[in-house]
Amino acid sequence: GIAINCVQYSPFRRNVAAAAGEESIVQLFDTVKGSEPISQFKQHKGSVTGLAFSPVNELLLCTAGLDRHILFFDVQANKLVKSLSCE
């Protein structure tokens, strides 16, 4: 299987967790409803090495990867809202 590098629960929605790993996909799960992801973000071009939900904005998830990008996602609208390149 594919290695998982990071997991984080939402501080606002206790049943929502984000996970990411070697395959460069960030997945959101509802841990009460089941094991299938409720959404996926595929914008990274390399392994995702870190992620964090914002402690003040319940909609914001930040991720970092070996592609040298920091990406910000709106988890309610399921879309990328900002990308920072760390070249």
N, C-alpha and C. Protein backbone atom coordinates (compact mmCIF):
# COMPACT_ATOMS: atom_id res chain seq x y z
N GLY A 1 0.80 -1.19 0.00
CA GLY A 1 0.00 0.00 0.00
C GLY A 1 0.85 1.26 0.00
N ILE A 2 0.19 2.35 -0.07
CA ILE A 2 0.83 3.66 -0.11
C ILE A 2 0.98 4.19 1.32
N ALA A 3 2.15 4.76 1.61
CA ALA A 3 2.41 5.30 2.95
C ALA A 3 1.60 6.57 3.20
N ILE A 4 1.11 6.70 4.41
CA ILE A 4 0.43 7.93 4.85
C ILE A 4 1.43 8.71 5.68
N ASN A 5 1.65 9.97 5.30
CA ASN A 5 2.62 10.82 5.98
C ASN A 5 2.04 11.64 7.11
N CYS A 6 0.76 12.00 7.01
CA CYS A 6 0.18 12.89 8.01
C CYS A 6 -1.33 12.73 8.09
N VAL A 7 -1.84 12.93 9.30
CA VAL A 7 -3.28 12.87 9.58
C VAL A 7 -3.60 13.97 10.58
N GLN A 8 -4.73 14.64 10.37
CA GLN A 8 -5.14 15.68 11.31
C GLN A 8 -6.67 15.73 11.37
N TYR A 9 -7.19 15.85 12.57
CA TYR A 9 -8.62 16.06 12.76
C TYR A 9 -8.93 17.55 12.73
N SER A 10 -10.11 17.88 12.21
CA SER A 10 -10.57 19.27 12.22
C SER A 10 -10.88 19.69 13.65
N PRO A 11 -10.42 20.89 14.06
CA PRO A 11 -10.76 21.36 15.40
C PRO A 11 -12.22 21.80 15.52
N PHE A 12 -12.90 21.96 14.40
CA PHE A 12 -14.29 22.44 14.40
C PHE A 12 -15.29 21.31 14.17
N ARG A 13 -14.94 20.36 13.32
CA ARG A 13 -15.83 19.23 13.03
C ARG A 13 -15.10 17.96 13.47
N ARG A 14 -15.42 17.49 14.65
CA ARG A 14 -14.66 16.42 15.29
C ARG A 14 -14.67 15.10 14.54
N ASN A 15 -15.61 14.90 13.66
CA ASN A 15 -15.68 13.66 12.90
C ASN A 15 -14.97 13.77 11.54
N VAL A 16 -14.38 14.92 11.22
CA VAL A 16 -13.70 15.11 9.95
C VAL A 16 -12.19 15.06 10.15
N ALA A 17 -11.55 14.21 9.36
CA ALA A 17 -10.09 14.07 9.41
C ALA A 17 -9.53 14.20 7.99
N ALA A 18 -8.34 14.76 7.90
CA ALA A 18 -7.62 14.84 6.63
C ALA A 18 -6.41 13.93 6.72
N ALA A 19 -6.08 13.28 5.60
CA ALA A 19 -4.91 12.40 5.54
C ALA A 19 -4.24 12.59 4.19
N ALA A 20 -2.92 12.44 4.18
CA ALA A 20 -2.17 12.58 2.93
C ALA A 20 -0.89 11.77 3.02
N GLY A 21 -0.33 11.50 1.84
CA GLY A 21 0.89 10.69 1.85
C GLY A 21 1.64 10.71 0.55
N GLU A 22 2.22 9.55 0.24
CA GLU A 22 3.14 9.40 -0.87
C GLU A 22 2.50 9.63 -2.24
N GLU A 23 1.21 9.39 -2.38
CA GLU A 23 0.61 9.49 -3.71
C GLU A 23 0.12 10.91 -4.05
N SER A 24 0.49 11.90 -3.26
CA SER A 24 0.22 13.32 -3.51
C SER A 24 -1.26 13.70 -3.48
N ILE A 25 -2.09 12.88 -2.88
CA ILE A 25 -3.52 13.18 -2.77
C ILE A 25 -3.86 13.46 -1.31
N VAL A 26 -4.58 14.55 -1.09
CA VAL A 26 -5.10 14.88 0.25
C VAL A 26 -6.55 14.40 0.28
N GLN A 27 -6.90 13.62 1.29
CA GLN A 27 -8.25 13.08 1.38
C GLN A 27 -8.89 13.52 2.68
N LEU A 28 -10.19 13.84 2.60
CA LEU A 28 -10.99 14.16 3.78
C LEU A 28 -11.91 12.98 4.06
N PHE A 29 -12.03 12.64 5.34
CA PHE A 29 -12.87 11.52 5.76
C PHE A 29 -13.86 11.98 6.82
N ASP A 30 -15.06 11.45 6.76
CA ASP A 30 -16.01 11.56 7.86
C ASP A 30 -15.87 10.26 8.62
N THR A 31 -15.23 10.30 9.77
CA THR A 31 -14.89 9.08 10.50
C THR A 31 -16.11 8.37 11.10
N VAL A 32 -17.25 9.03 11.12
CA VAL A 32 -18.47 8.40 11.61
C VAL A 32 -19.18 7.65 10.50
N LYS A 33 -19.18 8.22 9.29
CA LYS A 33 -19.96 7.66 8.18
C LYS A 33 -19.30 6.49 7.47
N GLY A 34 -17.97 6.41 7.48
CA GLY A 34 -17.36 5.28 6.79
C GLY A 34 -15.93 5.53 6.39
N SER A 35 -15.37 4.57 5.64
CA SER A 35 -13.95 4.62 5.28
C SER A 35 -13.67 5.25 3.92
N GLU A 36 -14.69 5.53 3.14
CA GLU A 36 -14.49 6.19 1.84
C GLU A 36 -14.29 7.68 2.04
N PRO A 37 -13.36 8.30 1.29
CA PRO A 37 -13.15 9.75 1.43
C PRO A 37 -14.39 10.54 1.01
N ILE A 38 -14.66 11.63 1.73
CA ILE A 38 -15.77 12.50 1.36
C ILE A 38 -15.33 13.54 0.33
N SER A 39 -14.03 13.76 0.22
CA SER A 39 -13.49 14.60 -0.85
C SER A 39 -12.00 14.35 -0.98
N GLN A 40 -11.45 14.74 -2.14
CA GLN A 40 -10.04 14.57 -2.43
C GLN A 40 -9.51 15.82 -3.12
N PHE A 41 -8.26 16.13 -2.83
CA PHE A 41 -7.57 17.24 -3.50
C PHE A 41 -6.32 16.65 -4.15
N LYS A 42 -6.17 16.87 -5.46
CA LYS A 42 -5.09 16.24 -6.22
C LYS A 42 -4.15 17.26 -6.84
N GLN A 43 -4.01 18.44 -6.25
CA GLN A 43 -3.22 19.50 -6.83
C GLN A 43 -1.72 19.37 -6.58
N HIS A 44 -1.30 18.63 -5.57
CA HIS A 44 0.13 18.47 -5.33
C HIS A 44 0.75 17.61 -6.43
N LYS A 45 2.00 17.88 -6.75
CA LYS A 45 2.71 17.13 -7.78
C LYS A 45 3.76 16.18 -7.18
N GLY A 46 3.76 16.04 -5.88
CA GLY A 46 4.67 15.14 -5.18
C GLY A 46 4.07 14.75 -3.85
N SER A 47 4.79 13.95 -3.10
CA SER A 47 4.30 13.49 -1.80
C SER A 47 3.91 14.67 -0.91
N VAL A 48 2.82 14.50 -0.18
CA VAL A 48 2.39 15.51 0.80
C VAL A 48 3.03 15.14 2.13
N THR A 49 3.73 16.10 2.72
CA THR A 49 4.49 15.83 3.94
C THR A 49 3.92 16.46 5.19
N GLY A 50 2.93 17.34 5.03
CA GLY A 50 2.32 17.97 6.20
C GLY A 50 0.98 18.57 5.86
N LEU A 51 0.13 18.64 6.85
CA LEU A 51 -1.16 19.31 6.68
C LEU A 51 -1.66 19.80 8.03
N ALA A 52 -2.49 20.82 7.98
CA ALA A 52 -3.06 21.38 9.22
C ALA A 52 -4.35 22.12 8.90
N PHE A 53 -5.35 21.90 9.74
CA PHE A 53 -6.56 22.71 9.68
C PHE A 53 -6.28 24.02 10.38
N SER A 54 -6.86 25.09 9.89
CA SER A 54 -6.73 26.38 10.55
C SER A 54 -7.41 26.32 11.92
N PRO A 55 -6.78 26.89 12.95
CA PRO A 55 -7.43 26.92 14.26
C PRO A 55 -8.48 28.02 14.39
N VAL A 56 -8.57 28.92 13.39
CA VAL A 56 -9.52 30.04 13.47
C VAL A 56 -10.52 30.08 12.32
N ASN A 57 -10.26 29.36 11.23
CA ASN A 57 -11.16 29.35 10.08
C ASN A 57 -11.56 27.91 9.81
N GLU A 58 -12.81 27.57 10.09
CA GLU A 58 -13.25 26.18 10.00
C GLU A 58 -13.23 25.62 8.58
N LEU A 59 -13.11 26.48 7.58
CA LEU A 59 -13.13 26.03 6.19
C LEU A 59 -11.74 25.79 5.60
N LEU A 60 -10.68 26.19 6.30
CA LEU A 60 -9.35 26.23 5.70
C LEU A 60 -8.47 25.06 6.12
N LEU A 61 -7.90 24.39 5.10
CA LEU A 61 -6.92 23.33 5.30
C LEU A 61 -5.66 23.71 4.53
N CYS A 62 -4.53 23.63 5.18
CA CYS A 62 -3.24 23.97 4.58
C CYS A 62 -2.42 22.69 4.43
N THR A 63 -1.77 22.52 3.27
CA THR A 63 -0.94 21.35 3.04
C THR A 63 0.43 21.76 2.49
N ALA A 64 1.43 20.92 2.71
CA ALA A 64 2.77 21.15 2.19
C ALA A 64 3.29 19.86 1.60
N GLY A 65 4.09 19.99 0.52
CA GLY A 65 4.57 18.79 -0.13
C GLY A 65 5.97 18.88 -0.66
N LEU A 66 6.47 17.74 -1.11
CA LEU A 66 7.80 17.68 -1.69
C LEU A 66 7.87 18.41 -3.03
N ASP A 67 6.74 18.81 -3.57
CA ASP A 67 6.72 19.62 -4.79
C ASP A 67 7.05 21.09 -4.50
N ARG A 68 7.36 21.37 -3.23
CA ARG A 68 7.76 22.71 -2.77
C ARG A 68 6.62 23.72 -2.87
N HIS A 69 5.40 23.25 -2.64
CA HIS A 69 4.24 24.13 -2.64
C HIS A 69 3.47 24.00 -1.33
N ILE A 70 2.94 25.12 -0.89
CA ILE A 70 2.00 25.17 0.23
C ILE A 70 0.66 25.51 -0.40
N LEU A 71 -0.31 24.65 -0.17
CA LEU A 71 -1.63 24.83 -0.78
C LEU A 71 -2.68 25.04 0.31
N PHE A 72 -3.62 25.93 0.02
CA PHE A 72 -4.72 26.24 0.93
C PHE A 72 -6.03 25.84 0.26
N PHE A 73 -6.82 25.02 0.98
CA PHE A 73 -8.07 24.52 0.43
C PHE A 73 -9.26 24.97 1.28
N ASP A 74 -10.35 25.27 0.59
CA ASP A 74 -11.64 25.49 1.24
C ASP A 74 -12.31 24.12 1.28
N VAL A 75 -12.43 23.54 2.47
CA VAL A 75 -12.94 22.18 2.58
C VAL A 75 -14.45 22.08 2.40
N GLN A 76 -15.16 23.19 2.51
CA GLN A 76 -16.60 23.16 2.29
C GLN A 76 -16.91 23.23 0.80
N ALA A 77 -16.21 24.11 0.08
CA ALA A 77 -16.41 24.26 -1.36
C ALA A 77 -15.58 23.25 -2.16
N ASN A 78 -14.70 22.51 -1.48
CA ASN A 78 -13.82 21.53 -2.12
C ASN A 78 -13.01 22.13 -3.25
N LYS A 79 -12.32 23.26 -2.94
CA LYS A 79 -11.52 23.88 -3.98
C LYS A 79 -10.24 24.49 -3.41
N LEU A 80 -9.25 24.59 -4.29
CA LEU A 80 -8.00 25.24 -3.97
C LEU A 80 -8.24 26.75 -3.95
N VAL A 81 -7.81 27.42 -2.87
CA VAL A 81 -8.02 28.88 -2.80
C VAL A 81 -6.73 29.67 -2.90
N LYS A 82 -5.56 29.01 -2.62
CA LYS A 82 -4.30 29.72 -2.74
C LYS A 82 -3.16 28.71 -2.84
N SER A 83 -2.15 29.09 -3.61
CA SER A 83 -0.95 28.26 -3.77
C SER A 83 0.28 29.14 -3.59
N LEU A 84 1.19 28.68 -2.74
CA LEU A 84 2.46 29.39 -2.55
C LEU A 84 3.59 28.48 -3.00
N SER A 85 4.48 29.00 -3.84
CA SER A 85 5.63 28.25 -4.30
C SER A 85 6.84 28.60 -3.44
N CYS A 86 7.54 27.60 -2.97
CA CYS A 86 8.72 27.81 -2.14
C CYS A 86 9.97 27.43 -2.92
N GLU A 87 10.16 28.08 -4.04
CA GLU A 87 11.30 27.79 -4.91
C GLU A 87 12.57 28.38 -4.35
